[in-house]
Amino acid sequence: MTTPTSKTERNEPHPISGDDEKTESRSNTPTLNEPNQDEKPKKSEDGDGELTTEEEETEWISGWKLASMMISLTLAAFLMLLDMSIISTAVPRITSDFHSLPDIGWYASAYNLASAALQPLTGKIYMYFNTRWTFLALFFVFEVGSLICGVAQSSAMLIIGRAVAGIGSSGIQNGALTMIAKAVPIHRRPSLVGIIMGFAQLGLISGPLIGGAFTQYTTWRWCFYINLPIGAICAVLILFVHMPDHRANRDESTMQILKTKLDFTGFVLFCPSIVMLLLALQWGGLEYPWDSATVIGLFCGGGVLFIIFIYWEHRVGSEAMIPLPIVRTREVWASCLSQSFLFSTVMVASYYFPVYFQSAKNASPFTSGVNLLPSILSVIFAAVASGALAQRVGYYLPFATASGVLSSIGFGLASSMGPYASTATWAGYQILLGLGRGLGLQMPIIAIQANTSADVTPIAMAILTFSQTFGSAIFITAANVIFTHELRNELVARLPDINADMVIDAGAGAVSEVVSGADLPQVLWSYSRGVRATFLLAVGTSCAMVLSSFGMGWKDIRKKPDHSPILDEA
């Protein structure tokens, strides 16, 4: 019989793991455990009229503490996504100040590479160390990176700052989701996660707008300084929120955990493999041809290392940085696929709607940002509303499926836009797309948390966050290749005598400066057709999102999870 749960520990049955293993000469790392037949949980009726297991013994957060935590986590998630996009409109001024045109690619990739490479490791860190202090430590690293970027005196210093900020950002999203999982019961989470994910989208979409305003009216350095005061507010708010300690292996020392639990060998294999694969995706077709020795070598080296990493994780078993039994669970891998497809559509819309506005509509970067308001507002509305509805009806699957359906319809309609589409047309399509994306933002998160135990939530959230980052990187690269190829073909077909490369190199915002007269309408149509091709890719990923959503599980989150094991022991 297990020890009764203390006031600071969760009293929630786990389908994957538990503390019972301490009595069975097994590793203390969470794995499969059978239900404790001696425990007879009480039943009570919750606010929705559903019969659930008594949760009075569990210490949940509510009131001003919950509000404080939500404000802090929402601002942190906003800053993380803002930092991914705010630099885009500041890059021309930065390269002029530092005379660093060849370094353009590194300003974004240094951040993304560092973040993606460390995301799985942060899951293990959250699993064995205090959640609040781990989150604050990683957030502090993010802030230090922002400060380095703000005071940078050279391009190299700026790149280092971006890498440091990326290291810190690697644990922000999965840390926020882990804290939500420890703060409120599963049936209360959809609306809260929806608020965080919905408002975080503001950072991704409004980043170019904010960055352009800072660059034009003050200095590009404020693109990074802005993180400091907002970050200070986040830290102060979260400092005063006490959270239950549900860490595994609390009886082990820090050195024991560092030596035996974090799987540094797996990290050493994983980190360079992901860096090489992402570099190949980012450089292919831009810095180097796809068939160049550099790109092929990166793909081969990254692929071989990743295969070795998978073998190592299988050998290590439950102590692995990415435990394969978790990944093999249908609900987990289906949710990860769904999240990667969803964020691929988010990235395509965020990148290529502005391209459409700045080329076909001759809008400024600021105006193109304003034109995204229909999408921004509808995403926030749908994310919050779907969270509240999922919390009420108890099922997340219908919203995940509807998200893919609406997104595919929205992108299909948007692909029909020409350069002379009316405001009502492009605004209406954005609203439909925003509703589709907002409906599904938090559903994969809820699906994984509903089908895994609290012990492995940090790792599961890290796996999901990495899938989101890596999947969207793959598809945004594919979209860029498709857009450039289609644009060049259209220019050559419509204007055989024009220098297609000159038009492409000028960029979407300078079309009218390099082409005029009778040729301009043809160039605008060419840009519209290029954007259309990326939207058709997003139709495909949206349809894939529908299919992957079917594997996320049909589970009533209003009821306490049953004890049915869903994983085999590693």
Protein backbone atom coordinates (compact mmCIF):
# COMPACT_ATOMS: atom_id res chain seq x y z
CA MET A 1 0.00 0.00 0.00
CA THR A 2 1.37 3.43 -0.99
CA THR A 3 1.94 6.25 1.42
CA PRO A 4 -1.01 8.65 1.50
CA THR A 5 -0.52 11.81 -0.51
CA SER A 6 0.63 14.80 1.46
CA LYS A 7 -0.88 18.22 1.06
CA THR A 8 1.88 19.26 -1.29
CA GLU A 9 1.68 16.22 -3.50
CA ARG A 10 -0.80 15.39 -6.20
CA ASN A 11 -3.29 12.65 -5.53
CA GLU A 12 -3.86 11.77 -9.16
CA PRO A 13 -3.57 8.23 -10.54
CA HIS A 14 -1.06 7.83 -13.30
CA PRO A 15 -1.50 5.71 -16.39
CA ILE A 16 2.24 5.64 -17.03
CA SER A 17 4.11 5.79 -13.76
CA GLY A 18 4.06 6.21 -10.03
CA ASP A 19 5.94 5.99 -6.78
CA ASP A 20 4.91 2.36 -6.22
CA GLU A 21 8.07 1.27 -8.01
CA LYS A 22 10.18 2.11 -4.99
CA THR A 23 8.92 -1.11 -3.42
CA GLU A 24 9.88 -3.28 -6.40
CA SER A 25 13.65 -2.95 -6.82
CA ARG A 26 13.18 -1.02 -10.03
CA SER A 27 14.59 2.29 -11.23
CA ASN A 28 13.04 5.30 -9.60
CA THR A 29 12.49 6.83 -13.01
CA PRO A 30 8.76 6.88 -13.76
CA THR A 31 7.60 3.86 -15.74
CA LEU A 32 4.52 1.70 -15.81
CA ASN A 33 2.84 0.78 -12.55
CA GLU A 34 -0.23 -1.18 -11.70
CA PRO A 35 -3.08 0.44 -9.79
CA ASN A 36 -3.07 0.29 -6.04
CA GLN A 37 -6.06 -1.87 -5.29
CA ASP A 38 -6.09 -0.84 -1.62
CA GLU A 39 -6.81 2.79 -2.35
CA LYS A 40 -10.51 3.59 -2.58
CA PRO A 41 -10.83 7.12 -3.84
CA LYS A 42 -13.95 8.98 -2.94
CA LYS A 43 -16.29 10.29 -5.57
CA SER A 44 -17.68 13.77 -5.70
CA GLU A 45 -19.60 15.84 -8.16
CA ASP A 46 -17.76 18.72 -9.81
CA GLY A 47 -19.12 22.00 -11.06
CA ASP A 48 -20.06 20.50 -14.41
CA GLY A 49 -22.23 17.84 -12.84
CA GLU A 50 -19.75 15.07 -13.66
CA LEU A 51 -18.78 12.48 -11.09
CA THR A 52 -15.05 12.77 -10.41
CA THR A 53 -12.60 11.48 -7.85
CA GLU A 54 -12.18 13.56 -4.71
CA GLU A 55 -9.41 16.11 -5.13
CA GLU A 56 -9.50 17.95 -1.82
CA GLU A 57 -6.18 16.40 -0.78
CA THR A 58 -4.48 17.79 -3.86
CA GLU A 59 -3.09 21.28 -3.56
CA TRP A 60 -4.32 23.22 -6.58
CA ILE A 61 -3.69 26.91 -7.17
CA SER A 62 -6.56 29.38 -7.39
CA GLY A 63 -7.46 33.01 -6.84
CA TRP A 64 -4.81 35.69 -7.07
CA LYS A 65 -2.01 33.11 -7.19
CA LEU A 66 -3.48 31.51 -10.31
CA ALA A 67 -4.08 34.94 -11.86
CA SER A 68 -0.50 35.97 -11.10
CA MET A 69 0.87 32.78 -12.61
CA MET A 70 -1.30 33.11 -15.73
CA ILE A 71 -0.21 36.70 -16.36
CA SER A 72 3.44 35.73 -15.94
CA LEU A 73 3.30 32.65 -18.17
CA THR A 74 1.28 34.43 -20.86
CA LEU A 75 3.77 37.30 -20.99
CA ALA A 76 6.69 34.85 -21.08
CA ALA A 77 5.15 32.86 -23.95
CA PHE A 78 4.43 36.13 -25.76
CA LEU A 79 8.06 37.24 -25.42
CA MET A 80 9.36 33.87 -26.64
CA LEU A 81 7.37 34.01 -29.89
CA LEU A 82 7.94 37.75 -30.25
CA ASP A 83 11.69 37.16 -30.20
CA MET A 84 11.34 34.73 -33.10
CA SER A 85 9.81 37.32 -35.44
CA ILE A 86 10.58 40.84 -34.18
CA ILE A 87 14.04 40.90 -35.69
CA SER A 88 12.83 40.35 -39.27
CA THR A 89 12.11 44.02 -40.01
CA ALA A 90 15.19 45.20 -38.09
CA VAL A 91 17.72 43.11 -40.02
CA PRO A 92 18.34 45.65 -42.83
CA ARG A 93 19.27 48.36 -40.30
CA ILE A 94 21.41 45.93 -38.26
CA THR A 95 23.38 44.84 -41.32
CA SER A 96 23.92 48.50 -42.23
CA ASP A 97 25.22 49.35 -38.75
CA PHE A 98 27.53 46.34 -38.50
CA HIS A 99 28.31 45.97 -42.24
CA SER A 100 27.37 42.33 -41.82
CA LEU A 101 25.22 41.32 -44.79
CA PRO A 102 26.68 37.76 -44.91
CA ASP A 103 25.55 37.19 -41.29
CA ILE A 104 21.83 37.75 -41.94
CA GLY A 105 20.96 34.07 -41.76
CA TRP A 106 22.63 33.64 -38.37
CA TYR A 107 20.50 36.27 -36.62
CA ALA A 108 17.49 33.97 -36.80
CA SER A 109 19.14 30.56 -36.99
CA ALA A 110 21.34 31.03 -33.89
CA TYR A 111 18.18 31.49 -31.81
CA ASN A 112 16.23 28.65 -33.41
CA LEU A 113 19.09 26.14 -33.39
CA ALA A 114 19.91 26.68 -29.72
CA SER A 115 16.26 26.48 -28.72
CA ALA A 116 15.44 23.31 -30.66
CA ALA A 117 18.59 21.46 -29.61
CA LEU A 118 17.95 21.93 -25.88
CA GLN A 119 14.18 21.46 -25.69
CA PRO A 120 14.19 17.72 -24.86
CA LEU A 121 16.89 18.18 -22.21
CA THR A 122 14.84 20.86 -20.46
CA GLY A 123 12.06 18.30 -20.12
CA LYS A 124 14.35 16.07 -18.05
CA ILE A 125 15.50 19.05 -16.00
CA TYR A 126 11.90 20.02 -15.18
CA MET A 127 11.24 16.41 -14.25
CA TYR A 128 13.90 16.26 -11.54
CA PHE A 129 14.30 19.86 -10.36
CA ASN A 130 11.94 22.43 -8.89
CA THR A 131 9.64 23.65 -11.66
CA ARG A 132 9.39 27.28 -10.61
CA TRP A 133 13.10 27.82 -10.06
CA THR A 134 14.01 25.95 -13.24
CA PHE A 135 11.61 28.13 -15.22
CA LEU A 136 13.03 31.29 -13.66
CA ALA A 137 16.62 30.17 -14.33
CA LEU A 138 15.92 29.50 -18.01
CA PHE A 139 13.95 32.71 -18.32
CA PHE A 140 16.90 34.58 -16.77
CA VAL A 141 19.19 33.11 -19.44
CA PHE A 142 16.71 34.30 -22.08
CA GLU A 143 16.81 37.80 -20.59
CA VAL A 144 20.62 37.81 -20.46
CA GLY A 145 20.68 36.88 -24.14
CA SER A 146 18.31 39.75 -24.91
CA LEU A 147 20.55 42.15 -22.98
CA ILE A 148 23.63 40.97 -24.90
CA CYS A 149 21.79 41.57 -28.17
CA GLY A 150 20.66 45.01 -27.07
CA VAL A 151 24.16 46.21 -26.17
CA ALA A 152 25.93 44.32 -28.99
CA GLN A 153 28.85 46.21 -30.52
CA SER A 154 29.45 43.76 -33.36
CA SER A 155 27.63 41.22 -35.46
CA ALA A 156 29.41 38.36 -33.68
CA MET A 157 28.26 39.67 -30.29
CA LEU A 158 24.69 39.88 -31.57
CA ILE A 159 24.81 36.28 -32.83
CA ILE A 160 26.14 35.10 -29.45
CA GLY A 161 23.32 36.96 -27.72
CA ARG A 162 20.77 35.34 -30.01
CA ALA A 163 22.18 31.90 -29.19
CA VAL A 164 22.06 32.61 -25.44
CA ALA A 165 18.46 33.81 -25.75
CA GLY A 166 17.64 30.63 -27.68
CA ILE A 167 19.08 28.49 -24.89
CA GLY A 168 16.83 30.24 -22.39
CA SER A 169 13.77 30.02 -24.63
CA SER A 170 14.16 26.25 -24.94
CA GLY A 171 12.42 25.75 -21.61
CA ILE A 172 9.86 28.55 -21.60
CA GLN A 173 6.91 26.97 -23.39
CA ASN A 174 7.23 23.45 -21.99
CA GLY A 175 7.92 24.96 -18.56
CA ALA A 176 4.76 27.04 -18.76
CA LEU A 177 2.70 24.01 -19.79
CA THR A 178 4.23 21.93 -17.00
CA MET A 179 3.37 24.61 -14.44
CA ILE A 180 -0.23 24.71 -15.66
CA ALA A 181 -0.39 20.93 -15.28
CA LYS A 182 0.75 21.22 -11.67
CA ALA A 183 -1.46 24.19 -10.86
CA VAL A 184 -4.95 23.05 -11.90
CA PRO A 185 -6.74 19.74 -12.52
CA ILE A 186 -6.95 18.42 -16.08
CA HIS A 187 -10.56 19.48 -16.68
CA ARG A 188 -9.67 23.11 -15.84
CA ARG A 189 -6.69 23.36 -18.17
CA PRO A 190 -8.15 23.84 -21.69
CA SER A 191 -9.30 27.42 -21.11
CA LEU A 192 -6.07 28.41 -19.34
CA VAL A 193 -3.82 26.85 -21.97
CA GLY A 194 -6.00 28.46 -24.63
CA ILE A 195 -5.42 31.89 -23.10
CA ILE A 196 -1.65 31.38 -23.00
CA MET A 197 -1.36 29.95 -26.51
CA GLY A 198 -3.82 32.42 -28.01
CA PHE A 199 -2.17 35.55 -26.66
CA ALA A 200 1.29 34.13 -27.37
CA GLN A 201 0.37 34.18 -31.07
CA LEU A 202 0.31 37.96 -30.79
CA GLY A 203 4.07 37.86 -30.36
CA LEU A 204 4.66 35.81 -33.50
CA ILE A 205 2.29 37.79 -35.71
CA SER A 206 2.92 41.30 -34.35
CA GLY A 207 6.71 40.88 -34.13
CA PRO A 208 7.49 42.39 -37.55
CA LEU A 209 5.12 45.28 -36.84
CA ILE A 210 6.72 46.07 -33.46
CA GLY A 211 10.23 45.57 -34.81
CA GLY A 212 9.56 47.89 -37.73
CA ALA A 213 8.20 50.59 -35.43
CA PHE A 214 11.21 50.40 -33.10
CA THR A 215 13.65 50.46 -36.00
CA GLN A 216 11.95 53.38 -37.70
CA TYR A 217 11.18 55.59 -34.71
CA THR A 218 13.83 54.72 -32.07
CA THR A 219 16.54 52.10 -32.53
CA TRP A 220 16.61 48.41 -33.45
CA ARG A 221 18.15 47.73 -30.02
CA TRP A 222 14.71 48.16 -28.46
CA CYS A 223 13.69 44.95 -30.25
CA PHE A 224 15.71 43.27 -27.48
CA TYR A 225 15.45 45.80 -24.66
CA ILE A 226 11.66 45.34 -24.64
CA ASN A 227 12.18 41.87 -23.16
CA LEU A 228 13.84 43.25 -20.02
CA PRO A 229 11.03 45.23 -18.30
CA ILE A 230 8.36 42.74 -19.35
CA GLY A 231 10.59 39.89 -18.22
CA ALA A 232 11.08 41.53 -14.83
CA ILE A 233 7.30 41.66 -14.38
CA CYS A 234 7.07 37.95 -15.26
CA ALA A 235 9.73 37.01 -12.74
CA VAL A 236 8.22 39.04 -9.90
CA LEU A 237 4.75 37.60 -10.49
CA ILE A 238 5.92 33.98 -10.56
CA LEU A 239 8.19 34.38 -7.51
CA PHE A 240 5.21 34.70 -5.19
CA VAL A 241 3.40 31.60 -6.44
CA HIS A 242 4.08 28.48 -4.38
CA MET A 243 3.69 25.31 -6.41
CA PRO A 244 3.34 21.71 -5.23
CA ASP A 245 6.53 19.69 -5.61
CA HIS A 246 5.81 16.61 -7.73
CA ARG A 247 9.33 15.86 -8.81
CA ALA A 248 10.51 12.32 -9.27
CA ASN A 249 13.37 11.09 -7.09
CA ARG A 250 13.23 13.87 -4.50
CA ASP A 251 15.39 11.70 -2.24
CA GLU A 252 18.38 11.87 -4.60
CA SER A 253 21.05 14.55 -4.45
CA THR A 254 21.60 17.04 -7.23
CA MET A 255 24.87 15.39 -8.23
CA GLN A 256 23.22 11.96 -8.38
CA ILE A 257 20.53 13.33 -10.67
CA LEU A 258 23.07 15.07 -12.90
CA LYS A 259 25.13 11.89 -13.20
CA THR A 260 22.41 9.30 -13.63
CA LYS A 261 19.13 10.87 -14.73
CA LEU A 262 19.69 13.57 -17.36
CA ASP A 263 21.13 11.33 -20.10
CA PHE A 264 23.94 13.63 -21.17
CA THR A 265 25.18 11.01 -23.64
CA GLY A 266 21.83 11.19 -25.40
CA PHE A 267 22.03 14.98 -25.37
CA VAL A 268 25.54 14.95 -26.88
CA LEU A 269 24.21 12.79 -29.73
CA PHE A 270 20.92 14.66 -30.15
CA CYS A 271 22.19 18.24 -30.10
CA PRO A 272 24.60 18.13 -33.08
CA SER A 273 22.25 15.92 -35.10
CA ILE A 274 19.41 18.45 -34.81
CA VAL A 275 21.73 21.40 -35.43
CA MET A 276 23.03 19.79 -38.63
CA LEU A 277 19.56 18.89 -39.88
CA LEU A 278 18.19 22.37 -39.19
CA LEU A 279 21.22 24.02 -40.80
CA ALA A 280 20.73 21.88 -43.89
CA LEU A 281 17.09 22.97 -44.06
CA GLN A 282 17.92 26.65 -43.55
CA TRP A 283 20.90 26.79 -45.92
CA GLY A 284 19.53 24.58 -48.68
CA GLY A 285 18.57 26.64 -51.72
CA LEU A 286 19.66 29.91 -50.05
CA GLU A 287 23.26 29.82 -48.86
CA TYR A 288 24.11 26.68 -50.85
CA PRO A 289 22.38 24.65 -53.59
CA TRP A 290 20.42 21.64 -52.38
CA ASP A 291 22.82 19.31 -54.20
CA SER A 292 25.94 20.96 -52.75
CA ALA A 293 28.41 18.96 -50.70
CA THR A 294 27.71 21.16 -47.67
CA VAL A 295 23.96 20.54 -47.59
CA ILE A 296 24.24 16.84 -48.43
CA GLY A 297 26.96 16.43 -45.80
CA LEU A 298 24.81 18.10 -43.16
CA PHE A 299 21.85 15.88 -43.97
CA CYS A 300 23.98 12.73 -43.91
CA GLY A 301 25.86 13.65 -40.74
CA GLY A 302 22.70 14.71 -38.93
CA GLY A 303 20.81 11.63 -40.08
CA VAL A 304 23.53 9.20 -38.97
CA LEU A 305 23.86 10.86 -35.57
CA PHE A 306 20.10 10.83 -35.11
CA ILE A 307 19.95 7.09 -35.85
CA ILE A 308 22.69 6.50 -33.27
CA PHE A 309 20.72 8.67 -30.83
CA ILE A 310 17.58 6.56 -31.32
CA TYR A 311 19.59 3.39 -30.71
CA TRP A 312 21.06 4.88 -27.53
CA GLU A 313 17.65 5.96 -26.24
CA HIS A 314 16.33 2.45 -26.84
CA ARG A 315 19.29 0.98 -24.97
CA VAL A 316 18.99 3.36 -22.01
CA GLY A 317 15.24 2.75 -21.70
CA SER A 318 13.33 4.66 -19.05
CA GLU A 319 16.36 6.81 -18.17
CA ALA A 320 16.54 8.22 -21.71
CA MET A 321 16.28 11.92 -22.47
CA ILE A 322 13.35 11.04 -24.76
CA PRO A 323 11.91 7.78 -23.38
CA LEU A 324 10.74 5.81 -26.40
CA PRO A 325 7.78 4.19 -24.57
CA ILE A 326 6.26 7.66 -24.24
CA VAL A 327 6.82 8.48 -27.92
CA ARG A 328 5.36 5.15 -29.03
CA THR A 329 2.07 5.90 -27.29
CA ARG A 330 -0.54 6.66 -29.95
CA GLU A 331 -1.98 9.65 -28.11
CA VAL A 332 1.48 11.19 -27.74
CA TRP A 333 2.83 10.77 -31.27
CA ALA A 334 -0.51 11.70 -32.83
CA SER A 335 -0.64 14.87 -30.73
CA CYS A 336 2.95 15.73 -31.64
CA LEU A 337 2.17 15.30 -35.34
CA SER A 338 -0.96 17.40 -35.00
CA GLN A 339 0.96 20.16 -33.21
CA SER A 340 3.71 20.21 -35.85
CA PHE A 341 1.14 20.42 -38.66
CA LEU A 342 -0.78 23.13 -36.81
CA PHE A 343 2.25 25.34 -36.23
CA SER A 344 3.31 24.81 -39.83
CA THR A 345 0.08 26.47 -40.91
CA VAL A 346 0.68 29.24 -38.36
CA MET A 347 4.15 29.91 -39.78
CA VAL A 348 2.97 29.83 -43.41
CA ALA A 349 0.21 32.33 -42.69
CA SER A 350 2.52 34.55 -40.62
CA TYR A 351 5.19 34.66 -43.33
CA TYR A 352 3.22 34.74 -46.57
CA PHE A 353 0.21 36.93 -45.84
CA PRO A 354 2.65 39.84 -45.29
CA VAL A 355 4.40 38.89 -48.55
CA TYR A 356 1.03 39.09 -50.30
CA PHE A 357 0.21 42.47 -48.75
CA GLN A 358 3.62 44.03 -49.42
CA SER A 359 3.81 42.82 -53.01
CA ALA A 360 0.29 42.61 -54.41
CA LYS A 361 -1.12 45.45 -52.28
CA ASN A 362 2.09 47.54 -52.10
CA ALA A 363 1.60 47.84 -48.33
CA SER A 364 4.34 48.96 -45.95
CA PRO A 365 5.58 46.53 -43.28
CA PHE A 366 3.54 48.46 -40.71
CA THR A 367 0.37 48.35 -42.82
CA SER A 368 0.81 44.67 -43.59
CA GLY A 369 1.00 44.05 -39.85
CA VAL A 370 -2.22 45.98 -39.33
CA ASN A 371 -3.82 43.92 -42.10
CA LEU A 372 -3.18 40.79 -40.02
CA LEU A 373 -5.52 41.98 -37.26
CA PRO A 374 -8.47 39.84 -38.48
CA SER A 375 -6.30 36.75 -38.07
CA ILE A 376 -4.87 37.84 -34.71
CA LEU A 377 -8.22 38.63 -33.13
CA SER A 378 -9.94 35.51 -34.44
CA VAL A 379 -7.11 33.27 -33.19
CA ILE A 380 -7.37 34.71 -29.68
CA PHE A 381 -11.16 34.45 -29.66
CA ALA A 382 -11.19 30.86 -30.93
CA ALA A 383 -8.41 29.73 -28.57
CA VAL A 384 -10.17 31.07 -25.49
CA ALA A 385 -13.65 29.96 -26.61
CA SER A 386 -12.58 26.44 -27.61
CA GLY A 387 -10.79 26.03 -24.29
CA ALA A 388 -13.93 26.98 -22.39
CA LEU A 389 -16.08 24.69 -24.56
CA ALA A 390 -13.69 21.74 -24.24
CA GLN A 391 -13.70 22.29 -20.50
CA ARG A 392 -17.50 22.20 -20.54
CA VAL A 393 -18.11 19.21 -22.85
CA GLY A 394 -15.05 17.31 -21.63
CA TYR A 395 -13.67 16.23 -25.02
CA TYR A 396 -10.80 17.80 -26.94
CA LEU A 397 -10.86 15.63 -30.08
CA PRO A 398 -13.79 17.38 -31.87
CA PHE A 399 -12.03 20.74 -31.60
CA ALA A 400 -8.73 19.34 -32.88
CA THR A 401 -10.47 17.83 -35.89
CA ALA A 402 -12.53 20.96 -36.57
CA SER A 403 -9.32 22.99 -36.44
CA GLY A 404 -7.85 21.06 -39.35
CA VAL A 405 -11.10 21.19 -41.33
CA LEU A 406 -11.55 24.97 -40.98
CA SER A 407 -7.86 25.62 -41.67
CA SER A 408 -7.90 23.56 -44.86
CA ILE A 409 -11.02 25.38 -46.09
CA GLY A 410 -9.54 28.76 -45.16
CA PHE A 411 -6.23 28.16 -46.91
CA GLY A 412 -8.06 26.73 -49.92
CA LEU A 413 -10.10 29.91 -50.22
CA ALA A 414 -7.06 32.12 -49.59
CA SER A 415 -5.22 30.39 -52.44
CA SER A 416 -7.77 31.87 -54.84
CA MET A 417 -6.79 35.47 -54.02
CA GLY A 418 -5.34 37.57 -56.80
CA PRO A 419 -3.57 40.92 -56.46
CA TYR A 420 -6.87 42.79 -56.63
CA ALA A 421 -8.80 40.89 -53.96
CA SER A 422 -11.05 43.16 -51.91
CA THR A 423 -10.51 43.96 -48.25
CA ALA A 424 -13.61 41.98 -47.32
CA THR A 425 -12.21 38.95 -49.16
CA TRP A 426 -8.77 38.76 -47.56
CA ALA A 427 -10.10 39.79 -44.15
CA GLY A 428 -12.84 37.14 -44.29
CA TYR A 429 -10.40 34.41 -45.26
CA GLN A 430 -8.10 35.43 -42.41
CA ILE A 431 -10.97 35.23 -39.93
CA LEU A 432 -11.78 31.70 -41.08
CA LEU A 433 -8.12 30.71 -40.83
CA GLY A 434 -7.77 32.31 -37.42
CA LEU A 435 -10.80 30.45 -36.11
CA GLY A 436 -9.36 27.20 -37.44
CA ARG A 437 -5.95 27.69 -35.88
CA GLY A 438 -7.37 28.95 -32.60
CA LEU A 439 -9.67 25.95 -32.19
CA GLY A 440 -6.74 23.55 -32.12
CA LEU A 441 -3.93 25.48 -30.44
CA GLN A 442 -4.16 23.81 -27.04
CA MET A 443 -5.83 20.50 -27.92
CA PRO A 444 -2.65 18.42 -28.50
CA ILE A 445 -1.35 19.74 -25.17
CA ILE A 446 -4.50 18.68 -23.34
CA ALA A 447 -4.51 15.32 -25.13
CA ILE A 448 -1.00 14.47 -23.96
CA GLN A 449 -1.60 15.67 -20.40
CA ALA A 450 -4.82 13.63 -20.24
CA ASN A 451 -3.06 10.46 -21.37
CA THR A 452 0.20 10.67 -19.42
CA SER A 453 0.94 10.89 -15.73
CA ALA A 454 2.07 13.95 -13.81
CA ASP A 455 5.49 12.31 -13.36
CA VAL A 456 6.30 12.45 -17.07
CA THR A 457 4.42 15.63 -17.99
CA PRO A 458 7.66 17.71 -18.27
CA ILE A 459 9.20 15.25 -20.73
CA ALA A 460 5.97 14.91 -22.68
CA MET A 461 5.64 18.69 -22.98
CA ALA A 462 9.28 18.98 -24.09
CA ILE A 463 8.72 16.36 -26.79
CA LEU A 464 5.62 18.24 -27.96
CA THR A 465 7.46 21.58 -28.01
CA PHE A 466 10.34 20.09 -30.00
CA SER A 467 7.91 18.54 -32.49
CA GLN A 468 6.31 21.94 -32.91
CA THR A 469 9.68 23.63 -33.53
CA PHE A 470 11.20 21.00 -35.79
CA GLY A 471 8.03 20.30 -37.76
CA SER A 472 7.35 23.95 -38.49
CA ALA A 473 11.01 24.42 -39.54
CA ILE A 474 10.62 21.64 -42.10
CA PHE A 475 7.41 22.99 -43.57
CA ILE A 476 8.41 26.67 -43.63
CA THR A 477 11.53 25.60 -45.54
CA ALA A 478 9.35 23.65 -47.96
CA ALA A 479 7.08 26.69 -48.33
CA ASN A 480 10.06 28.92 -49.12
CA VAL A 481 11.32 26.52 -51.78
CA ILE A 482 7.86 26.21 -53.33
CA PHE A 483 7.28 29.98 -53.26
CA THR A 484 10.59 30.84 -54.90
CA HIS A 485 10.21 28.13 -57.56
CA GLU A 486 6.64 29.14 -58.43
CA LEU A 487 7.47 32.86 -58.46
CA ARG A 488 10.42 32.35 -60.80
CA ASN A 489 8.39 30.14 -63.15
CA GLU A 490 5.54 32.66 -63.26
CA LEU A 491 7.89 35.57 -63.95
CA VAL A 492 9.61 33.71 -66.77
CA ALA A 493 6.28 32.63 -68.29
CA ARG A 494 4.61 36.05 -68.06
CA LEU A 495 7.64 38.27 -68.74
CA PRO A 496 10.29 36.31 -70.69
CA ASP A 497 12.51 39.38 -71.11
CA ILE A 498 12.63 40.36 -67.45
CA ASN A 499 15.45 39.44 -65.08
CA ALA A 500 13.55 37.15 -62.69
CA ASP A 501 16.41 36.92 -60.20
CA MET A 502 16.58 40.72 -59.95
CA VAL A 503 12.87 40.90 -59.10
CA ILE A 504 13.15 38.12 -56.51
CA ASP A 505 16.26 39.63 -54.90
CA ALA A 506 14.53 43.00 -54.59
CA GLY A 507 12.00 41.49 -52.19
CA ALA A 508 8.25 41.76 -51.89
CA GLY A 509 8.31 45.30 -50.53
CA ALA A 510 10.34 46.74 -53.42
CA VAL A 511 8.48 45.31 -56.41
CA SER A 512 7.24 48.70 -57.59
CA GLU A 513 10.78 50.10 -57.40
CA VAL A 514 12.32 47.62 -59.84
CA VAL A 515 9.33 47.08 -62.15
CA SER A 516 6.88 49.63 -63.49
CA GLY A 517 4.47 50.30 -66.32
CA ALA A 518 2.78 47.43 -68.12
CA ASP A 519 5.07 44.85 -66.51
CA LEU A 520 3.99 45.60 -62.94
CA PRO A 521 0.56 43.86 -63.05
CA GLN A 522 2.21 40.70 -64.36
CA VAL A 523 4.75 40.75 -61.54
CA LEU A 524 1.96 41.23 -58.99
CA TRP A 525 0.13 38.24 -60.43
CA SER A 526 3.36 36.23 -60.25
CA TYR A 527 3.72 37.05 -56.56
CA SER A 528 0.10 36.11 -55.95
CA ARG A 529 0.66 32.75 -57.64
CA GLY A 530 3.76 32.16 -55.53
CA VAL A 531 1.83 32.86 -52.32
CA ARG A 532 -0.98 30.65 -53.64
CA ALA A 533 1.45 27.72 -53.87
CA THR A 534 2.42 28.08 -50.19
CA PHE A 535 -1.25 28.21 -49.19
CA LEU A 536 -1.87 24.98 -51.08
CA LEU A 537 0.95 23.39 -49.07
CA ALA A 538 -0.85 24.60 -45.94
CA VAL A 539 -4.04 22.95 -47.22
CA GLY A 540 -2.12 19.67 -47.25
CA THR A 541 -0.74 20.11 -43.73
CA SER A 542 -4.22 21.08 -42.49
CA CYS A 543 -5.67 17.88 -43.96
CA ALA A 544 -2.83 15.93 -42.33
CA MET A 545 -3.79 17.61 -39.07
CA VAL A 546 -7.31 16.22 -39.43
CA LEU A 547 -5.97 12.69 -39.90
CA SER A 548 -3.49 12.92 -37.02
CA SER A 549 -6.17 14.28 -34.69
CA PHE A 550 -8.02 10.96 -34.89
CA GLY A 551 -5.21 9.34 -32.91
CA MET A 552 -5.30 11.81 -30.02
CA GLY A 553 -7.78 9.74 -28.03
CA TRP A 554 -11.44 10.07 -27.09
CA LYS A 555 -11.25 10.86 -23.41
CA ASP A 556 -13.48 12.76 -21.02
CA ILE A 557 -11.14 15.15 -19.22
CA ARG A 558 -13.81 15.94 -16.61
CA LYS A 559 -13.33 12.48 -15.10
CA LYS A 560 -10.35 11.23 -13.20
CA PRO A 561 -8.09 9.14 -15.48
CA ASP A 562 -8.46 5.39 -15.11
CA HIS A 563 -5.60 3.12 -14.15
CA SER A 564 -5.32 1.34 -17.49
CA PRO A 565 -1.65 1.11 -18.44
CA ILE A 566 -0.88 2.61 -21.84
CA LEU A 567 2.86 2.02 -21.98
CA ASP A 568 5.06 -1.00 -21.83
CA GLU A 569 8.05 -0.84 -19.56
CA ALA A 570 11.18 0.37 -21.26
